[in-house]
Amino acid sequence: MKIIPTEKWGNLKSNKLLREERIILYLLAAMQFIHIVDFMIIMPLGETLTRTFDITIQQFSLLVAAYSLGAGICSLVGAFYIDRFDRKPVLLFLFFGFLLGTLFCGLSPTYEILLTSRILTGAFGGVLAGLLLSVLGDVVPNERRGKAMGVLMAAFSLAAILGVPLGLYLSAQFNWHTPFFGLAGLGVVILVGVWRFIPSLRGHLEQGQLRESPLQIIGNVLRSANQKRASIFYMLLIFGQLLMIPFIAPFMEINVGFSKHQVLLVYTVGGMATFFSAPLIGHLVDRFGRAKIFTILVFCSLVPMLWVPNLGPEVVMGYMATTLVFVFFSGRMIPATTMMTSAVDQQHRGSFMGISTSMRELTMGLASFTGGLIIVENTEGLLQNYHYAGFIAVAISLIAIPIGRRLRIMDEAPPAKNLESKISEPQANPVK
């Protein structure tokens, strides 16, 4: 017979919690990967879609904004109900709907149907994006959340390294429909993994808790100065970034003179850089503080904001500038998102993230549409006024710094109870 000391059982229990935490984190990152590729793939397909459907750059910007429009509206509606349920079944439902919308995008024969399909995909994808952050906040304790957010944001890098280039390759080899079919198929595999490995997550539910009405949920946000600051803070960052990001690919191809192959390498090189930088930034956030690292990264991001719109035909300079955009834009979102998920208690995190996601997606749509109004084609077919979008993005980023530094952490207690319920602790000194 073997006596297992109580303190050793505590270590075993802790190790199992960490393993469960990592499995959930990797599955969340996989869903984030699919979600990001689906959103990003439209941007480098801009020239192909404008030619295929014979549409203008403004109509293309509306196609980008359509996803955010659907996401913004449905995220707001979902925020009123998402905290009433176990996270897992909601996660499965939203991801399935998102994959269905992606499939419809691939089947779209006309611009109008593709526009409608993008709205449908965004309707599920927007709520899903907020829920992914809620699950991460529920499962990962605050002291490890920066590093976990770095892993989740590394999905952006992987999307740029593998997802977008592979999607563009399939589009070039077959047609523009193919990448959406591939995403839907890969998503089904991930969906099975979510069903199999993610446990029931009910830590945010309390016995006998009254369900709050939509007005009460909105009132919670409006009454909390911290939540209002967090929402404004995040919206400013998103608006500044989406003024520039959707137009990088067409600008590099039309104005700078990059070939389609070189545009593909822009995403590959930038993605490889952020794949390594994101986890490092997450580690720095946990070690030195989210506000400090965020401020440093914002100032660093000002350089590519002003550099990219003024690029000449030099290929090396083009790769350097766009890579810095990837690294610092994604990098500053790691501490920013960590600050967002910590700005509200666990009980109300789902609804708050839903409302914030709604405002974020509407902001993304507004930013993409505004960018389409600022950036116009001249008589020679070149894009003009991109540098004005850069100036606005710089100003907005600087405004976000003092707002972000005033955010307070509202969930100091580790949320490990979501996973502890899966591990039944034996009696002291159990016998084998």
Protein backbone atom coordinates (compact mmCIF):
# COMPACT_ATOMS: atom_id res chain seq x y z
CA MET A 1 0.00 0.00 0.00
CA LYS A 2 1.22 3.43 -0.92
CA ILE A 3 0.51 6.55 1.09
CA ILE A 4 0.12 9.72 -1.01
CA PRO A 5 0.78 12.75 1.19
CA THR A 6 -1.83 15.47 1.09
CA GLU A 7 0.69 18.08 -0.04
CA LYS A 8 1.75 15.84 -2.95
CA TRP A 9 -1.89 15.42 -4.00
CA GLY A 10 -2.09 19.21 -4.02
CA ASN A 11 0.82 19.34 -6.46
CA LEU A 12 -0.77 16.67 -8.67
CA LYS A 13 -4.03 18.56 -8.63
CA SER A 14 -2.24 21.77 -9.56
CA ASN A 15 -0.44 20.05 -12.46
CA LYS A 16 -3.70 18.66 -13.77
CA LEU A 17 -5.28 22.11 -13.61
CA LEU A 18 -2.41 23.50 -15.67
CA ARG A 19 -2.79 20.72 -18.26
CA GLU A 20 -6.53 21.36 -18.54
CA GLU A 21 -5.82 25.06 -18.83
CA ARG A 22 -3.33 24.52 -21.66
CA ILE A 23 -5.71 22.24 -23.61
CA ILE A 24 -8.47 24.83 -23.41
CA LEU A 25 -6.06 27.61 -24.37
CA TYR A 26 -4.86 25.75 -27.48
CA LEU A 27 -8.42 25.02 -28.58
CA LEU A 28 -9.34 28.67 -28.10
CA ALA A 29 -6.29 29.62 -30.16
CA ALA A 30 -7.37 27.19 -32.92
CA MET A 31 -10.82 28.78 -33.08
CA GLN A 32 -9.18 32.20 -33.05
CA PHE A 33 -7.02 31.07 -35.98
CA ILE A 34 -10.05 30.11 -38.07
CA HIS A 35 -11.85 33.30 -37.09
CA ILE A 36 -8.91 35.55 -38.00
CA VAL A 37 -8.16 33.85 -41.32
CA ASP A 38 -11.82 34.12 -42.27
CA PHE A 39 -11.81 37.86 -41.54
CA MET A 40 -8.37 38.55 -43.04
CA ILE A 41 -8.68 36.53 -46.24
CA ILE A 42 -11.04 39.08 -47.77
CA MET A 43 -8.38 41.82 -47.61
CA PRO A 44 -5.65 40.30 -49.83
CA LEU A 45 -8.41 39.05 -52.16
CA GLY A 46 -9.42 42.68 -52.71
CA GLU A 47 -8.00 43.00 -56.24
CA THR A 48 -9.43 39.62 -57.28
CA LEU A 49 -12.90 40.39 -55.93
CA THR A 50 -13.05 43.90 -57.39
CA ARG A 51 -12.16 42.46 -60.78
CA THR A 52 -14.41 39.39 -60.52
CA PHE A 53 -17.52 41.29 -59.46
CA ASP A 54 -16.57 44.56 -61.25
CA ILE A 55 -16.89 46.63 -58.06
CA THR A 56 -15.20 49.82 -56.83
CA ILE A 57 -12.81 50.18 -53.88
CA GLN A 58 -15.71 51.66 -51.88
CA GLN A 59 -17.83 48.57 -52.55
CA PHE A 60 -14.90 46.42 -51.49
CA SER A 61 -14.58 48.38 -48.22
CA LEU A 62 -18.31 47.71 -47.67
CA LEU A 63 -17.60 44.00 -48.15
CA VAL A 64 -14.98 44.20 -45.39
CA ALA A 65 -17.33 46.25 -43.21
CA ALA A 66 -20.25 43.81 -43.71
CA TYR A 67 -18.63 41.22 -41.45
CA SER A 68 -18.26 43.79 -38.69
CA LEU A 69 -21.82 45.02 -39.17
CA GLY A 70 -23.27 41.56 -38.56
CA ALA A 71 -20.88 40.98 -35.67
CA GLY A 72 -21.70 44.28 -34.02
CA ILE A 73 -25.47 43.84 -34.05
CA CYS A 74 -25.50 40.21 -32.92
CA SER A 75 -22.82 40.72 -30.25
CA LEU A 76 -25.03 43.34 -28.65
CA VAL A 77 -28.04 41.02 -28.63
CA GLY A 78 -25.96 38.08 -27.43
CA ALA A 79 -24.55 40.12 -24.55
CA PHE A 80 -27.98 40.16 -22.89
CA TYR A 81 -28.16 36.37 -22.63
CA ILE A 82 -24.65 34.90 -22.82
CA ASP A 83 -24.03 34.89 -19.04
CA ARG A 84 -27.17 32.84 -18.41
CA PHE A 85 -25.72 29.64 -19.83
CA ASP A 86 -22.84 27.23 -19.53
CA ARG A 87 -20.02 28.52 -21.74
CA LYS A 88 -19.42 25.22 -23.56
CA PRO A 89 -22.75 24.68 -25.41
CA VAL A 90 -22.82 28.36 -26.40
CA LEU A 91 -19.27 28.04 -27.73
CA LEU A 92 -20.24 24.99 -29.82
CA PHE A 93 -23.37 26.67 -31.21
CA LEU A 94 -21.61 29.88 -32.19
CA PHE A 95 -18.66 28.12 -33.81
CA PHE A 96 -20.98 25.87 -35.82
CA GLY A 97 -22.95 28.91 -37.06
CA PHE A 98 -19.71 30.68 -37.93
CA LEU A 99 -18.54 27.70 -40.00
CA LEU A 100 -21.90 27.57 -41.77
CA GLY A 101 -21.57 31.24 -42.72
CA THR A 102 -18.03 30.59 -43.99
CA LEU A 103 -19.35 27.79 -46.18
CA PHE A 104 -22.00 30.11 -47.61
CA CYS A 105 -19.27 32.63 -48.47
CA GLY A 106 -17.54 29.98 -50.55
CA LEU A 107 -20.80 29.14 -52.33
CA SER A 108 -21.63 32.79 -53.16
CA PRO A 109 -22.03 33.36 -56.94
CA THR A 110 -22.59 37.15 -56.82
CA TYR A 111 -21.38 40.20 -54.91
CA GLU A 112 -24.76 40.66 -53.22
CA ILE A 113 -24.89 37.08 -51.95
CA LEU A 114 -21.28 37.27 -50.76
CA LEU A 115 -22.12 40.50 -48.93
CA THR A 116 -25.07 38.79 -47.21
CA SER A 117 -22.95 35.75 -46.36
CA ARG A 118 -20.30 37.96 -44.77
CA ILE A 119 -22.95 39.55 -42.57
CA LEU A 120 -24.13 36.08 -41.50
CA THR A 121 -20.58 34.92 -40.77
CA GLY A 122 -19.92 38.06 -38.76
CA ALA A 123 -23.16 37.59 -36.82
CA PHE A 124 -21.82 34.35 -35.33
CA GLY A 125 -18.12 35.26 -35.43
CA GLY A 126 -18.53 38.49 -33.49
CA VAL A 127 -20.28 36.85 -30.55
CA LEU A 128 -17.77 34.00 -30.74
CA ALA A 129 -14.81 36.40 -30.50
CA GLY A 130 -16.15 37.92 -27.30
CA LEU A 131 -16.90 34.50 -25.83
CA LEU A 132 -13.37 33.26 -26.52
CA LEU A 133 -12.02 36.10 -24.38
CA SER A 134 -14.60 35.41 -21.68
CA VAL A 135 -13.61 31.73 -21.51
CA LEU A 136 -9.93 32.67 -21.33
CA GLY A 137 -10.68 35.13 -18.53
CA ASP A 138 -12.74 32.52 -16.67
CA VAL A 139 -10.11 29.77 -16.93
CA VAL A 140 -6.72 31.52 -16.74
CA PRO A 141 -5.81 33.32 -13.48
CA ASN A 142 -4.98 36.99 -13.72
CA GLU A 143 -1.27 36.50 -12.98
CA ARG A 144 -0.85 34.24 -16.07
CA ARG A 145 -3.32 36.00 -18.34
CA GLY A 146 -0.78 38.10 -20.23
CA LYS A 147 1.14 35.03 -21.37
CA ALA A 148 -2.11 33.23 -22.24
CA MET A 149 -3.27 36.25 -24.25
CA GLY A 150 0.06 36.12 -26.07
CA VAL A 151 -0.68 32.53 -27.12
CA LEU A 152 -4.18 33.52 -28.27
CA MET A 153 -2.79 36.47 -30.21
CA ALA A 154 -0.15 34.17 -31.76
CA ALA A 155 -3.09 32.70 -33.67
CA PHE A 156 -3.05 35.96 -35.60
CA SER A 157 0.56 35.29 -36.54
CA LEU A 158 -0.15 31.71 -37.54
CA ALA A 159 -3.05 32.97 -39.63
CA ALA A 160 -0.68 35.34 -41.41
CA ILE A 161 2.08 32.72 -41.80
CA LEU A 162 -0.05 29.77 -42.91
CA GLY A 163 -3.71 30.66 -43.21
CA VAL A 164 -3.70 33.70 -45.46
CA PRO A 165 -0.82 32.59 -47.75
CA LEU A 166 -2.35 29.13 -48.12
CA GLY A 167 -5.73 30.69 -48.81
CA LEU A 168 -4.20 32.94 -51.47
CA TYR A 169 -2.36 29.96 -52.97
CA LEU A 170 -5.58 27.94 -53.19
CA SER A 171 -7.32 30.95 -54.68
CA ALA A 172 -4.61 31.29 -57.33
CA GLN A 173 -4.56 27.57 -58.11
CA PHE A 174 -8.32 27.09 -58.21
CA ASN A 175 -10.59 30.09 -57.53
CA TRP A 176 -11.44 32.57 -54.76
CA HIS A 177 -14.16 30.25 -53.39
CA THR A 178 -11.67 27.53 -52.37
CA PRO A 179 -10.17 29.18 -49.23
CA PHE A 180 -13.61 29.40 -47.62
CA PHE A 181 -14.28 25.71 -48.26
CA GLY A 182 -10.92 24.85 -46.69
CA LEU A 183 -11.64 26.96 -43.60
CA ALA A 184 -15.04 25.34 -43.11
CA GLY A 185 -13.53 21.84 -43.36
CA LEU A 186 -10.72 22.59 -40.89
CA GLY A 187 -13.23 24.20 -38.55
CA VAL A 188 -15.24 20.98 -38.32
CA VAL A 189 -12.16 19.17 -36.97
CA ILE A 190 -11.66 21.89 -34.35
CA LEU A 191 -15.35 21.76 -33.48
CA VAL A 192 -14.98 18.07 -32.59
CA GLY A 193 -11.99 18.90 -30.40
CA VAL A 194 -13.98 21.57 -28.55
CA TRP A 195 -16.82 19.12 -27.92
CA ARG A 196 -14.40 16.44 -26.72
CA PHE A 197 -11.93 18.34 -24.54
CA ILE A 198 -13.45 21.56 -23.23
CA PRO A 199 -15.37 20.89 -20.00
CA SER A 200 -18.56 22.46 -18.79
CA LEU A 201 -17.75 26.01 -17.66
CA ARG A 202 -20.27 27.22 -15.10
CA GLY A 203 -18.08 29.17 -12.67
CA HIS A 204 -19.84 32.42 -13.63
CA LEU A 205 -23.22 30.99 -12.66
CA GLU A 206 -24.38 31.29 -9.06
CA GLN A 207 -27.03 29.20 -7.35
CA GLY A 208 -30.34 31.04 -7.35
CA GLN A 209 -28.91 34.08 -9.14
CA LEU A 210 -31.59 36.30 -10.70
CA ARG A 211 -31.33 36.75 -14.45
CA GLU A 212 -30.72 40.35 -15.34
CA SER A 213 -32.77 42.06 -18.03
CA PRO A 214 -31.12 43.74 -21.04
CA LEU A 215 -31.70 47.15 -19.43
CA GLN A 216 -30.01 45.99 -16.22
CA ILE A 217 -27.03 44.65 -18.18
CA ILE A 218 -26.62 47.92 -20.07
CA GLY A 219 -27.08 49.77 -16.79
CA ASN A 220 -24.23 47.77 -15.23
CA VAL A 221 -21.89 49.02 -17.96
CA LEU A 222 -23.14 52.61 -17.89
CA ARG A 223 -22.87 52.82 -14.10
CA SER A 224 -19.30 51.50 -14.09
CA ALA A 225 -16.74 54.15 -14.97
CA ASN A 226 -14.14 51.39 -15.36
CA GLN A 227 -16.20 49.45 -17.91
CA LYS A 228 -17.00 52.60 -19.88
CA ARG A 229 -13.32 53.53 -20.01
CA ALA A 230 -12.41 49.99 -21.09
CA SER A 231 -14.94 50.07 -23.93
CA ILE A 232 -13.83 53.49 -25.21
CA PHE A 233 -10.20 52.45 -24.88
CA TYR A 234 -10.66 49.32 -26.99
CA MET A 235 -12.79 51.09 -29.61
CA LEU A 236 -10.13 53.74 -30.14
CA LEU A 237 -7.42 51.14 -30.72
CA ILE A 238 -9.56 49.16 -33.16
CA PHE A 239 -10.62 52.26 -35.11
CA GLY A 240 -7.03 53.40 -35.56
CA GLN A 241 -5.84 50.01 -36.74
CA LEU A 242 -8.72 49.31 -39.12
CA LEU A 243 -8.24 52.65 -40.84
CA MET A 244 -5.02 51.18 -42.23
CA ILE A 245 -5.00 47.36 -42.18
CA PRO A 246 -7.64 46.57 -44.88
CA PHE A 247 -5.82 48.75 -47.40
CA ILE A 248 -2.27 47.49 -46.89
CA ALA A 249 -2.56 44.74 -49.52
CA PRO A 250 -4.15 46.86 -52.29
CA PHE A 251 -1.78 49.78 -51.49
CA MET A 252 1.30 47.55 -51.70
CA GLU A 253 0.09 46.02 -54.96
CA ILE A 254 -1.27 49.12 -56.70
CA ASN A 255 0.95 51.95 -55.43
CA VAL A 256 4.19 50.30 -54.35
CA GLY A 257 4.17 47.82 -57.23
CA PHE A 258 4.33 44.51 -55.35
CA SER A 259 3.27 41.40 -57.23
CA LYS A 260 0.66 39.03 -55.79
CA HIS A 261 3.50 36.75 -54.72
CA GLN A 262 5.22 39.61 -52.91
CA VAL A 263 1.95 40.61 -51.19
CA LEU A 264 1.65 37.01 -50.02
CA LEU A 265 5.17 37.27 -48.58
CA VAL A 266 4.16 40.46 -46.74
CA TYR A 267 1.72 38.38 -44.69
CA THR A 268 4.15 35.48 -44.35
CA VAL A 269 7.10 37.55 -43.15
CA GLY A 270 4.96 39.69 -40.86
CA GLY A 271 3.24 36.64 -39.46
CA MET A 272 6.53 34.86 -38.74
CA ALA A 273 7.77 37.89 -36.85
CA THR A 274 4.65 38.17 -34.70
CA PHE A 275 4.54 34.42 -34.09
CA PHE A 276 7.73 34.84 -32.07
CA SER A 277 7.04 38.32 -30.70
CA ALA A 278 3.51 37.68 -29.35
CA PRO A 279 4.44 35.10 -26.65
CA LEU A 280 7.44 37.26 -25.66
CA ILE A 281 5.22 40.32 -25.30
CA GLY A 282 2.76 38.27 -23.23
CA HIS A 283 5.58 37.29 -20.89
CA LEU A 284 6.68 40.92 -20.58
CA VAL A 285 3.12 41.96 -19.77
CA ASP A 286 2.96 39.52 -16.83
CA ARG A 287 6.40 40.56 -15.60
CA PHE A 288 6.44 44.35 -15.98
CA GLY A 289 2.77 45.29 -16.08
CA ARG A 290 0.23 45.65 -18.85
CA ALA A 291 -0.04 49.46 -18.79
CA LYS A 292 3.72 49.98 -19.07
CA ILE A 293 4.19 47.51 -21.94
CA PHE A 294 1.10 48.86 -23.72
CA THR A 295 2.44 52.42 -23.62
CA ILE A 296 5.83 51.36 -24.99
CA LEU A 297 4.24 49.37 -27.83
CA VAL A 298 1.92 52.21 -28.80
CA PHE A 299 4.87 54.57 -29.25
CA CYS A 300 6.70 51.91 -31.23
CA SER A 301 3.65 51.42 -33.50
CA LEU A 302 3.66 55.10 -34.51
CA VAL A 303 6.69 54.47 -36.73
CA PRO A 304 5.06 52.03 -39.20
CA MET A 305 1.82 54.03 -39.18
CA LEU A 306 3.68 56.95 -40.70
CA TRP A 307 6.10 54.85 -42.74
CA VAL A 308 3.79 52.50 -44.69
CA PRO A 309 1.66 55.20 -46.42
CA ASN A 310 4.86 56.86 -47.68
CA LEU A 311 6.61 53.76 -49.04
CA GLY A 312 8.42 53.92 -52.35
CA PRO A 313 9.24 51.04 -54.72
CA GLU A 314 12.02 49.62 -52.49
CA VAL A 315 11.08 46.00 -51.80
CA VAL A 316 13.17 45.57 -48.64
CA MET A 317 11.78 48.75 -47.09
CA GLY A 318 8.27 47.53 -47.91
CA TYR A 319 8.80 44.26 -46.07
CA MET A 320 10.38 46.02 -43.09
CA ALA A 321 7.57 48.57 -42.72
CA THR A 322 4.72 46.08 -43.08
CA THR A 323 6.41 43.65 -40.69
CA LEU A 324 6.55 46.37 -38.05
CA VAL A 325 2.82 46.95 -38.59
CA PHE A 326 2.15 43.27 -37.84
CA VAL A 327 4.45 43.14 -34.81
CA PHE A 328 3.38 46.33 -33.05
CA PHE A 329 -0.31 46.33 -33.98
CA SER A 330 -0.78 42.77 -32.75
CA GLY A 331 1.67 43.34 -29.89
CA ARG A 332 -0.15 46.28 -28.36
CA MET A 333 -3.43 44.36 -28.47
CA ILE A 334 -2.00 41.76 -26.04
CA PRO A 335 -1.79 44.08 -23.01
CA ALA A 336 -4.87 45.98 -24.21
CA THR A 337 -7.04 42.84 -24.35
CA THR A 338 -5.64 41.64 -21.02
CA MET A 339 -6.68 44.97 -19.52
CA MET A 340 -10.15 44.58 -21.05
CA THR A 341 -10.84 41.09 -19.65
CA SER A 342 -9.70 42.21 -16.19
CA ALA A 343 -11.83 45.36 -16.12
CA VAL A 344 -14.97 43.44 -15.04
CA ASP A 345 -15.76 40.69 -12.52
CA GLN A 346 -16.25 37.10 -13.70
CA GLN A 347 -20.00 37.11 -13.08
CA HIS A 348 -20.60 39.86 -15.66
CA ARG A 349 -17.65 39.20 -17.98
CA GLY A 350 -19.64 37.45 -20.71
CA SER A 351 -22.20 40.23 -21.08
CA PHE A 352 -19.56 42.95 -20.86
CA MET A 353 -17.37 41.29 -23.48
CA GLY A 354 -20.46 40.83 -25.66
CA ILE A 355 -21.31 44.53 -25.49
CA SER A 356 -17.65 45.46 -25.98
CA THR A 357 -17.38 43.11 -28.95
CA SER A 358 -20.49 44.67 -30.44
CA MET A 359 -19.02 48.14 -30.15
CA ARG A 360 -15.66 46.86 -31.40
CA GLU A 361 -17.15 45.23 -34.48
CA LEU A 362 -19.28 48.26 -35.29
CA THR A 363 -16.14 50.35 -34.87
CA MET A 364 -14.27 48.03 -37.23
CA GLY A 365 -17.01 48.40 -39.81
CA LEU A 366 -17.07 52.17 -39.37
CA ALA A 367 -13.28 52.36 -39.60
CA SER A 368 -13.15 50.23 -42.78
CA PHE A 369 -15.93 52.29 -44.35
CA THR A 370 -14.29 55.56 -43.26
CA GLY A 371 -11.00 54.36 -44.71
CA GLY A 372 -12.81 53.72 -47.98
CA LEU A 373 -14.03 57.33 -47.98
CA ILE A 374 -10.59 58.76 -47.17
CA ILE A 375 -8.59 56.57 -49.56
CA VAL A 376 -9.70 57.11 -53.15
CA GLU A 377 -8.46 56.21 -56.61
CA ASN A 378 -7.01 58.92 -58.84
CA THR A 379 -7.26 59.08 -62.61
CA GLU A 380 -4.19 56.84 -62.94
CA GLY A 381 -5.74 54.12 -60.78
CA LEU A 382 -3.45 54.76 -57.79
CA LEU A 383 -4.71 55.03 -54.21
CA GLN A 384 -4.55 58.51 -52.70
CA ASN A 385 -4.77 59.91 -49.14
CA TYR A 386 -3.52 56.77 -47.37
CA HIS A 387 -1.16 58.99 -45.37
CA TYR A 388 -4.15 60.87 -43.95
CA ALA A 389 -5.45 57.58 -42.54
CA GLY A 390 -2.02 57.12 -40.94
CA PHE A 391 -2.14 60.56 -39.30
CA ILE A 392 -5.58 59.85 -37.82
CA ALA A 393 -4.42 56.44 -36.55
CA VAL A 394 -1.45 58.06 -34.80
CA ALA A 395 -3.64 60.65 -33.06
CA ILE A 396 -6.16 58.04 -31.90
CA SER A 397 -3.40 55.79 -30.53
CA LEU A 398 -1.97 58.60 -28.44
CA ILE A 399 -5.41 59.42 -27.02
CA ALA A 400 -5.84 55.77 -25.97
CA ILE A 401 -2.75 55.77 -23.71
CA PRO A 402 -4.07 57.89 -20.79
CA ILE A 403 -7.45 56.15 -20.94
CA GLY A 404 -5.86 52.72 -20.74
CA ARG A 405 -3.62 53.66 -17.83
CA ARG A 406 -6.68 54.57 -15.74
CA LEU A 407 -8.26 51.10 -16.01
CA ARG A 408 -8.49 49.10 -12.76
CA ILE A 409 -8.21 45.32 -12.31
CA MET A 410 -11.53 43.93 -11.04
CA ASP A 411 -10.83 40.18 -10.84
CA GLU A 412 -7.83 39.64 -8.59
CA ALA A 413 -9.07 36.22 -7.42
CA PRO A 414 -7.83 33.31 -9.57
CA PRO A 415 -10.70 31.76 -11.55
CA ALA A 416 -9.42 28.19 -11.37
CA LYS A 417 -12.71 26.96 -9.85
CA ASN A 418 -13.99 26.45 -13.42
CA LEU A 419 -11.57 23.54 -13.76
CA GLU A 420 -11.33 22.44 -10.13
CA SER A 421 -14.86 21.09 -10.33
CA LYS A 422 -13.53 18.43 -12.71
CA ILE A 423 -10.98 17.15 -10.21
CA SER A 424 -12.37 15.36 -7.20
CA GLU A 425 -10.02 15.64 -4.25
CA PRO A 426 -9.57 12.40 -2.28
CA GLN A 427 -9.45 12.09 1.44
CA ALA A 428 -6.24 13.01 3.19
CA ASN A 429 -3.44 10.43 2.73
CA PRO A 430 -5.36 8.09 0.39
CA VAL A 431 -4.22 4.47 0.18
CA LYS A 432 -3.43 2.58 -3.03
